[in-house]
């Protein structure tokens, strides 16, 4: 059932404390922890404590918690990277590179991003 912990979900296990993670921030509704395969000097995942397969389904079902994920992501970015700028990325679906099907945001920073490319 949507919103309920899933026994086979890695991120649900992290929320329950069954799988260790390096937590950088926790709120009533979110958990932020370091990515184990960082793609940037700052790479933190922010997840809701409720289970939804992706950000779109989370936003549709629980917009307040989706907003909490964004709020926590912004706070973590400032905490981890100061005012140097950051990205917040939501991969939605296997075709977009999502590998854990629990809504989550990637907070990336700590290096220059050439955007737009050119």
C-alpha atoms as a PDB file:
ATOM      1  CA  UNK A   1       0.000   0.000   0.000  1.00  0.00           C
ATOM      2  CA  UNK A   2       1.322   3.452  -0.906  1.00  0.00           C
ATOM      3  CA  UNK A   3       2.788   5.338   2.006  1.00  0.00           C
ATOM      4  CA  UNK A   4       3.454   2.161   3.982  1.00  0.00           C
ATOM      5  CA  UNK A   5       6.960   0.753   4.526  1.00  0.00           C
ATOM      6  CA  UNK A   6       7.949  -1.919   2.023  1.00  0.00           C
ATOM      7  CA  UNK A   7       9.891  -4.940   3.316  1.00  0.00           C
ATOM      8  CA  UNK A   8      12.078  -5.098   0.190  1.00  0.00           C
ATOM      9  CA  UNK A   9      12.880  -1.354   0.004  1.00  0.00           C
ATOM     10  CA  UNK A  10      16.430  -0.299   0.907  1.00  0.00           C
ATOM     11  CA  UNK A  11      15.365   3.216   1.889  1.00  0.00           C
ATOM     12  CA  UNK A  12      12.516   1.931   4.091  1.00  0.00           C
ATOM     13  CA  UNK A  13      15.126  -0.221   5.858  1.00  0.00           C
ATOM     14  CA  UNK A  14      17.337   2.851   6.346  1.00  0.00           C
ATOM     15  CA  UNK A  15      14.385   4.780   7.829  1.00  0.00           C
ATOM     16  CA  UNK A  16      13.734   1.879  10.245  1.00  0.00           C
ATOM     17  CA  UNK A  17      17.433   1.737  11.215  1.00  0.00           C
ATOM     18  CA  UNK A  18      17.850  -1.776   9.819  1.00  0.00           C
ATOM     19  CA  UNK A  19      20.481  -0.631   7.302  1.00  0.00           C
ATOM     20  CA  UNK A  20      23.149   1.854   8.398  1.00  0.00           C
ATOM     21  CA  UNK A  21      23.534   5.241   6.746  1.00  0.00           C
ATOM     22  CA  UNK A  22      25.543   8.378   7.458  1.00  0.00           C
ATOM     23  CA  UNK A  23      22.693  10.679   8.428  1.00  0.00           C
ATOM     24  CA  UNK A  24      23.266  14.412   7.992  1.00  0.00           C
ATOM     25  CA  UNK A  25      19.760  15.628   8.903  1.00  0.00           C
ATOM     26  CA  UNK A  26      16.526  14.159  10.154  1.00  0.00           C
ATOM     27  CA  UNK A  27      13.106  15.748  10.534  1.00  0.00           C
ATOM     28  CA  UNK A  28       9.736  14.360  11.514  1.00  0.00           C
ATOM     29  CA  UNK A  29       8.982  13.522   7.861  1.00  0.00           C
ATOM     30  CA  UNK A  30      12.388  13.251   6.120  1.00  0.00           C
ATOM     31  CA  UNK A  31      15.805  11.661   6.404  1.00  0.00           C
ATOM     32  CA  UNK A  32      18.968  12.930   4.672  1.00  0.00           C
ATOM     33  CA  UNK A  33      22.071  10.786   4.359  1.00  0.00           C
ATOM     34  CA  UNK A  34      25.262  10.592   2.311  1.00  0.00           C
ATOM     35  CA  UNK A  35      25.120   8.673  -0.963  1.00  0.00           C
ATOM     36  CA  UNK A  36      27.338   5.571  -0.878  1.00  0.00           C
ATOM     37  CA  UNK A  37      28.354   6.186  -4.511  1.00  0.00           C
ATOM     38  CA  UNK A  38      28.773   9.976  -4.640  1.00  0.00           C
ATOM     39  CA  UNK A  39      28.718  11.699  -8.013  1.00  0.00           C
ATOM     40  CA  UNK A  40      29.932  15.033  -6.599  1.00  0.00           C
ATOM     41  CA  UNK A  41      31.914  16.181  -3.546  1.00  0.00           C
ATOM     42  CA  UNK A  42      28.573  16.843  -1.851  1.00  0.00           C
ATOM     43  CA  UNK A  43      26.039  14.117  -2.637  1.00  0.00           C
ATOM     44  CA  UNK A  44      23.273  13.634  -0.103  1.00  0.00           C
ATOM     45  CA  UNK A  45      19.983  11.789  -0.564  1.00  0.00           C
ATOM     46  CA  UNK A  46      16.843  13.216   1.009  1.00  0.00           C
ATOM     47  CA  UNK A  47      13.954  10.792   1.382  1.00  0.00           C
ATOM     48  CA  UNK A  48      10.480  10.961   2.862  1.00  0.00           C
ATOM     49  CA  UNK A  49       9.921   8.595   5.761  1.00  0.00           C
ATOM     50  CA  UNK A  50       6.828   7.303   3.956  1.00  0.00           C
ATOM     51  CA  UNK A  51       7.158   5.012   0.944  1.00  0.00           C
ATOM     52  CA  UNK A  52       6.162   6.150  -2.510  1.00  0.00           C
ATOM     53  CA  UNK A  53       7.923   4.782  -5.589  1.00  0.00           C
ATOM     54  CA  UNK A  54       8.958   8.173  -6.980  1.00  0.00           C
ATOM     55  CA  UNK A  55       8.728  11.916  -6.475  1.00  0.00           C
ATOM     56  CA  UNK A  56       5.715  12.306  -8.776  1.00  0.00           C
ATOM     57  CA  UNK A  57       3.606   9.798  -6.845  1.00  0.00           C
ATOM     58  CA  UNK A  58       4.714  11.346  -3.535  1.00  0.00           C
ATOM     59  CA  UNK A  59       3.723  14.833  -4.718  1.00  0.00           C
ATOM     60  CA  UNK A  60       0.334  13.608  -5.954  1.00  0.00           C
ATOM     61  CA  UNK A  61      -0.505  11.725  -2.749  1.00  0.00           C
ATOM     62  CA  UNK A  62       1.203  13.807  -0.058  1.00  0.00           C
ATOM     63  CA  UNK A  63       2.146  17.276  -1.322  1.00  0.00           C
ATOM     64  CA  UNK A  64       3.043  18.533   2.166  1.00  0.00           C
ATOM     65  CA  UNK A  65       5.622  15.764   2.600  1.00  0.00           C
ATOM     66  CA  UNK A  66       6.925  16.399  -0.934  1.00  0.00           C
ATOM     67  CA  UNK A  67       7.435  20.032   0.099  1.00  0.00           C
ATOM     68  CA  UNK A  68       9.216  18.822   3.246  1.00  0.00           C
ATOM     69  CA  UNK A  69      11.642  16.854   1.054  1.00  0.00           C
ATOM     70  CA  UNK A  70      12.442  20.021  -0.913  1.00  0.00           C
ATOM     71  CA  UNK A  71      12.773  22.100   2.249  1.00  0.00           C
ATOM     72  CA  UNK A  72      15.136  19.562   3.813  1.00  0.00           C
ATOM     73  CA  UNK A  73      17.120  19.348   0.559  1.00  0.00           C
ATOM     74  CA  UNK A  74      17.653  23.113   0.587  1.00  0.00           C
ATOM     75  CA  UNK A  75      18.706  23.092   4.242  1.00  0.00           C
ATOM     76  CA  UNK A  76      21.133  20.222   3.647  1.00  0.00           C
ATOM     77  CA  UNK A  77      22.602  21.982   0.606  1.00  0.00           C
ATOM     78  CA  UNK A  78      23.346  25.091   2.665  1.00  0.00           C
ATOM     79  CA  UNK A  79      24.680  23.011   5.555  1.00  0.00           C
ATOM     80  CA  UNK A  80      26.953  20.915   3.332  1.00  0.00           C
ATOM     81  CA  UNK A  81      27.923  23.389   0.596  1.00  0.00           C
ATOM     82  CA  UNK A  82      27.271  26.873   1.966  1.00  0.00           C
ATOM     83  CA  UNK A  83      26.214  29.464  -0.569  1.00  0.00           C
ATOM     84  CA  UNK A  84      28.238  27.944  -3.428  1.00  0.00           C
ATOM     85  CA  UNK A  85      25.186  26.655  -5.273  1.00  0.00           C
ATOM     86  CA  UNK A  86      23.735  23.183  -5.599  1.00  0.00           C
ATOM     87  CA  UNK A  87      21.487  20.934  -7.634  1.00  0.00           C
ATOM     88  CA  UNK A  88      18.465  18.990  -6.512  1.00  0.00           C
ATOM     89  CA  UNK A  89      17.751  16.048  -8.826  1.00  0.00           C
ATOM     90  CA  UNK A  90      14.785  13.672  -8.836  1.00  0.00           C
ATOM     91  CA  UNK A  91      15.221  10.616 -11.074  1.00  0.00           C
ATOM     92  CA  UNK A  92      11.792   9.181 -11.831  1.00  0.00           C
ATOM     93  CA  UNK A  93      11.617   5.742 -13.409  1.00  0.00           C
ATOM     94  CA  UNK A  94      14.241   3.277 -14.543  1.00  0.00           C
ATOM     95  CA  UNK A  95      14.628   5.114 -17.858  1.00  0.00           C
ATOM     96  CA  UNK A  96      15.792   8.195 -15.942  1.00  0.00           C
ATOM     97  CA  UNK A  97      18.315   6.265 -13.873  1.00  0.00           C
ATOM     98  CA  UNK A  98      16.224   5.608 -10.766  1.00  0.00           C
ATOM     99  CA  UNK A  99      17.514   2.433  -9.096  1.00  0.00           C
ATOM    100  CA  UNK A 100      15.812   2.556  -5.686  1.00  0.00           C
ATOM    101  CA  UNK A 101      12.065   2.939  -6.130  1.00  0.00           C
ATOM    102  CA  UNK A 102      11.396   5.070  -3.064  1.00  0.00           C
ATOM    103  CA  UNK A 103      10.938   8.793  -3.710  1.00  0.00           C
ATOM    104  CA  UNK A 104      14.179  10.673  -3.109  1.00  0.00           C
ATOM    105  CA  UNK A 105      16.102  13.790  -4.006  1.00  0.00           C
ATOM    106  CA  UNK A 106      19.806  13.952  -4.777  1.00  0.00           C
ATOM    107  CA  UNK A 107      21.478  17.082  -3.393  1.00  0.00           C
ATOM    108  CA  UNK A 108      24.648  17.700  -5.411  1.00  0.00           C
ATOM    109  CA  UNK A 109      27.297  20.358  -4.913  1.00  0.00           C
ATOM    110  CA  UNK A 110      30.928  21.092  -4.301  1.00  0.00           C
ATOM    111  CA  UNK A 111      32.082  21.489  -7.879  1.00  0.00           C
ATOM    112  CA  UNK A 112      31.351  23.766 -10.765  1.00  0.00           C
ATOM    113  CA  UNK A 113      28.508  22.799 -13.018  1.00  0.00           C
ATOM    114  CA  UNK A 114      28.748  23.948 -16.594  1.00  0.00           C
ATOM    115  CA  UNK A 115      25.187  24.849 -17.386  1.00  0.00           C
ATOM    116  CA  UNK A 116      24.085  25.572 -19.869  1.00  0.00           C
ATOM    117  CA  UNK A 117      26.643  23.493 -21.734  1.00  0.00           C
ATOM    118  CA  UNK A 118      28.622  25.364 -24.283  1.00  0.00           C
END
